[in-house]
Protein backbone atom coordinates (compact mmCIF):
# COMPACT_ATOMS: atom_id res chain seq x y z
CA UNK A 1 18.90 -2.20 10.76
CA UNK A 2 20.74 0.35 8.73
CA UNK A 3 24.21 1.28 9.93
CA UNK A 4 23.27 5.11 10.29
CA UNK A 5 20.35 3.95 12.74
CA UNK A 6 22.87 2.26 15.11
CA UNK A 7 25.41 4.94 15.22
CA UNK A 8 22.80 7.61 15.46
CA UNK A 9 21.70 6.59 18.98
CA UNK A 10 24.58 7.99 20.73
CA UNK A 11 23.36 11.71 21.13
CA UNK A 12 19.73 12.17 21.63
CA UNK A 13 19.66 16.01 22.26
CA UNK A 14 20.49 19.04 20.27
CA UNK A 15 20.67 22.26 22.58
CA UNK A 16 18.14 20.96 24.92
CA UNK A 17 15.93 19.77 22.16
CA UNK A 18 15.20 15.92 21.90
CA UNK A 19 15.97 14.38 18.67
CA UNK A 20 13.52 12.20 16.75
CA UNK A 21 15.01 9.51 14.79
CA UNK A 22 12.90 8.58 11.71
CA UNK A 23 13.18 6.17 8.89
CA UNK A 24 12.23 8.24 5.78
CA UNK A 25 10.38 6.50 2.86
CA UNK A 26 8.65 7.78 -0.25
CA UNK A 27 5.12 6.97 -1.45
CA UNK A 28 4.80 8.68 -5.08
CA UNK A 29 6.26 12.02 -4.55
CA UNK A 30 5.34 12.45 -0.71
CA UNK A 31 8.15 11.78 1.90
CA UNK A 32 7.07 10.18 5.10
CA UNK A 33 8.90 9.19 8.27
CA UNK A 34 8.36 6.76 10.99
CA UNK A 35 9.91 6.25 14.34
CA UNK A 36 12.89 4.30 13.98
CA UNK A 37 12.13 2.49 17.07
CA UNK A 38 9.19 0.87 15.48
CA UNK A 39 11.17 -0.34 12.44
CA UNK A 40 12.34 -3.89 12.83
CA UNK A 41 13.93 -4.33 9.57
CA UNK A 42 13.89 -3.28 5.74
CA UNK A 43 13.82 -5.85 2.92
CA UNK A 44 13.84 -5.93 -0.67
CA UNK A 45 10.36 -6.90 -2.01
CA UNK A 46 9.77 -10.54 -2.00
CA UNK A 47 7.14 -12.87 -3.32
CA UNK A 48 4.06 -12.31 -1.33
CA UNK A 49 1.36 -15.06 -0.83
CA UNK A 50 -2.13 -13.64 -1.54
CA UNK A 51 -4.87 -14.24 1.00
CA UNK A 52 -8.49 -14.66 -0.39
CA UNK A 53 -11.21 -12.37 0.58
CA UNK A 54 -8.85 -9.95 2.53
CA UNK A 55 -9.16 -6.21 2.43
CA UNK A 56 -7.94 -4.52 -0.48
CA UNK A 57 -5.10 -2.83 1.11
CA UNK A 58 -3.52 -6.20 2.40
CA UNK A 59 -1.47 -7.72 -0.29
CA UNK A 60 -0.92 -10.97 1.56
CA UNK A 61 1.74 -12.45 3.82
CA UNK A 62 5.40 -13.62 3.72
CA UNK A 63 7.38 -15.83 5.89
CA UNK A 64 10.20 -13.90 7.42
CA UNK A 65 12.56 -16.42 9.01
CA UNK A 66 9.66 -18.47 10.21
CA UNK A 67 7.42 -15.80 11.37
CA UNK A 68 4.11 -14.94 9.11
CA UNK A 69 4.14 -11.26 8.58
CA UNK A 70 0.99 -9.65 6.93
CA UNK A 71 2.01 -7.18 4.07
CA UNK A 72 0.15 -3.84 3.52
CA UNK A 73 0.38 -1.89 0.40
CA UNK A 74 0.69 1.67 1.71
CA UNK A 75 -0.51 3.41 -1.20
CA UNK A 76 -3.79 1.52 -1.07
CA UNK A 77 -3.94 2.04 2.72
CA UNK A 78 -3.74 5.69 2.29
CA UNK A 79 -6.17 5.80 -0.76
CA UNK A 80 -3.46 7.12 -3.01
CA UNK A 81 -3.23 6.59 -6.67
CA UNK A 82 -1.41 3.36 -7.78
CA UNK A 83 1.05 5.03 -10.44
CA UNK A 84 3.46 2.36 -11.07
CA UNK A 85 4.23 -1.41 -10.88
CA UNK A 86 6.80 -2.65 -8.35
CA UNK A 87 10.47 -1.67 -9.18
CA UNK A 88 14.00 -2.31 -7.87
CA UNK A 89 13.64 0.70 -5.17
CA UNK A 90 10.34 -0.81 -3.64
CA UNK A 91 10.83 -2.18 -0.06
CA UNK A 92 9.25 -3.97 3.00
CA UNK A 93 9.46 -2.02 5.97
CA UNK A 94 8.62 -4.54 8.86
CA UNK A 95 7.14 -2.30 11.51
CA UNK A 96 5.99 -3.15 15.00
CA UNK A 97 2.68 -1.74 15.81
CA UNK A 98 0.60 -2.62 18.82
CA UNK A 99 3.02 -5.60 19.59
CA UNK A 100 2.20 -7.07 16.08
CA UNK A 101 4.82 -7.11 13.01
CA UNK A 102 3.33 -5.77 9.80
CA UNK A 103 5.10 -5.25 6.59
CA UNK A 104 4.57 -2.04 4.79
CA UNK A 105 5.34 -1.98 0.85
CA UNK A 106 6.75 1.47 0.12
CA UNK A 107 8.23 2.94 -3.00
CA UNK A 108 11.56 3.61 -1.59
CA UNK A 109 13.46 3.92 1.73
CA UNK A 110 15.48 7.04 1.55
CA UNK A 111 17.28 7.77 4.67
CA UNK A 112 17.43 7.83 8.48
CA UNK A 113 16.81 11.43 10.00
CA UNK A 114 17.48 12.91 13.16
CA UNK A 115 14.97 16.00 13.60
CA UNK A 116 14.61 18.05 16.78
CA UNK A 117 11.16 17.27 18.20
CA UNK A 118 10.42 20.92 18.23
CA UNK A 119 10.61 21.01 14.39
CA UNK A 120 7.67 18.53 14.10
CA UNK A 121 4.43 20.60 14.03
CA UNK A 122 1.03 19.30 14.66
CA UNK A 123 -0.69 18.79 11.19
CA UNK A 124 -2.71 21.79 9.76
CA UNK A 125 -6.35 21.41 9.63
CA UNK A 126 -6.36 21.51 5.75
CA UNK A 127 -3.16 19.44 5.17
CA UNK A 128 -2.30 18.83 1.40
CA UNK A 129 -1.76 15.26 1.38
CA UNK A 130 -3.86 12.11 0.39
CA UNK A 131 -3.11 10.46 3.53
CA UNK A 132 -5.85 10.70 6.30
CA UNK A 133 -4.91 12.95 9.18
CA UNK A 134 -5.61 10.55 11.92
CA UNK A 135 -2.41 8.68 10.74
CA UNK A 136 -0.36 11.80 10.91
CA UNK A 137 1.56 12.67 14.10
CA UNK A 138 3.08 15.95 12.70
CA UNK A 139 4.75 17.60 9.82
CA UNK A 140 8.44 18.51 9.68
CA UNK A 141 9.53 21.37 7.48
CA UNK A 142 12.96 20.54 6.36
CA UNK A 143 15.02 22.60 4.17
CA UNK A 144 13.49 21.67 0.60
CA UNK A 145 10.53 19.56 1.75
CA UNK A 146 7.91 18.59 4.03
CA UNK A 147 8.03 15.36 5.63
CA UNK A 148 4.88 13.88 7.01
CA UNK A 149 5.51 11.98 10.34
CA UNK A 150 3.33 8.96 10.77
CA UNK A 151 2.20 7.54 14.05
CA UNK A 152 2.47 3.79 13.06
CA UNK A 153 0.31 2.71 16.10
CA UNK A 154 -2.68 4.67 14.46
CA UNK A 155 -2.52 3.50 10.84
CA UNK A 156 -4.85 0.68 11.93
CA UNK A 157 -8.13 0.42 13.80
CA UNK A 158 -8.36 -2.07 16.55
CA UNK A 159 -10.52 -4.13 14.39
CA UNK A 160 -8.26 -3.98 11.50
CA UNK A 161 -5.28 -5.09 13.70
CA UNK A 162 -7.55 -8.07 14.89
CA UNK A 163 -8.19 -8.99 11.26
CA UNK A 164 -4.43 -8.97 10.55
CA UNK A 165 -3.69 -11.04 13.59
CA UNK A 166 -6.34 -13.56 12.51
CA UNK A 167 -4.93 -13.84 9.08
CA UNK A 168 -1.49 -14.32 10.48
CA UNK A 169 -2.77 -17.05 12.89
CA UNK A 170 -4.69 -18.90 10.15
CA UNK A 171 -1.66 -18.88 7.82
CA UNK A 172 0.54 -20.10 10.62
CA UNK A 173 -1.88 -23.00 11.34
CA UNK A 174 -1.62 -24.07 7.78
CA UNK A 175 2.06 -24.00 7.60
């Protein structure tokens, strides 16, 4: 866990408004945030073992200290254009969602922010993003940019989570 995240947990209110701690990452030019309590760790991109016949957005699996973790390409998951190959700033964010660990490939992890909950508004009906609204918890208007706050528990439908668990179980059985 980043040092900022550990020290930021001391004060969770600002003038009566609850603070939300978000890990901010970038996909293309868009900024996204996810609840810091859902982020297990952030790692450099490592070699990923491909899984035959898996959905397009599943890149494969990694072995993280003995745990098999399915890896999702978030650009593909959100139907965003793939503009670049992997580079030095790409990261795997290991997220806990619905009691399962899943790795998200993101273009760059930028920072940990503390935002008053009142600054996060529901997504407008005609939000200008390639990301499906069902994944979005809200939008935070920061000084120079908009930050899309994701609900990590809604990124995958129940049947998709079962598929990810099945892949994880099958790979663990082979190891």
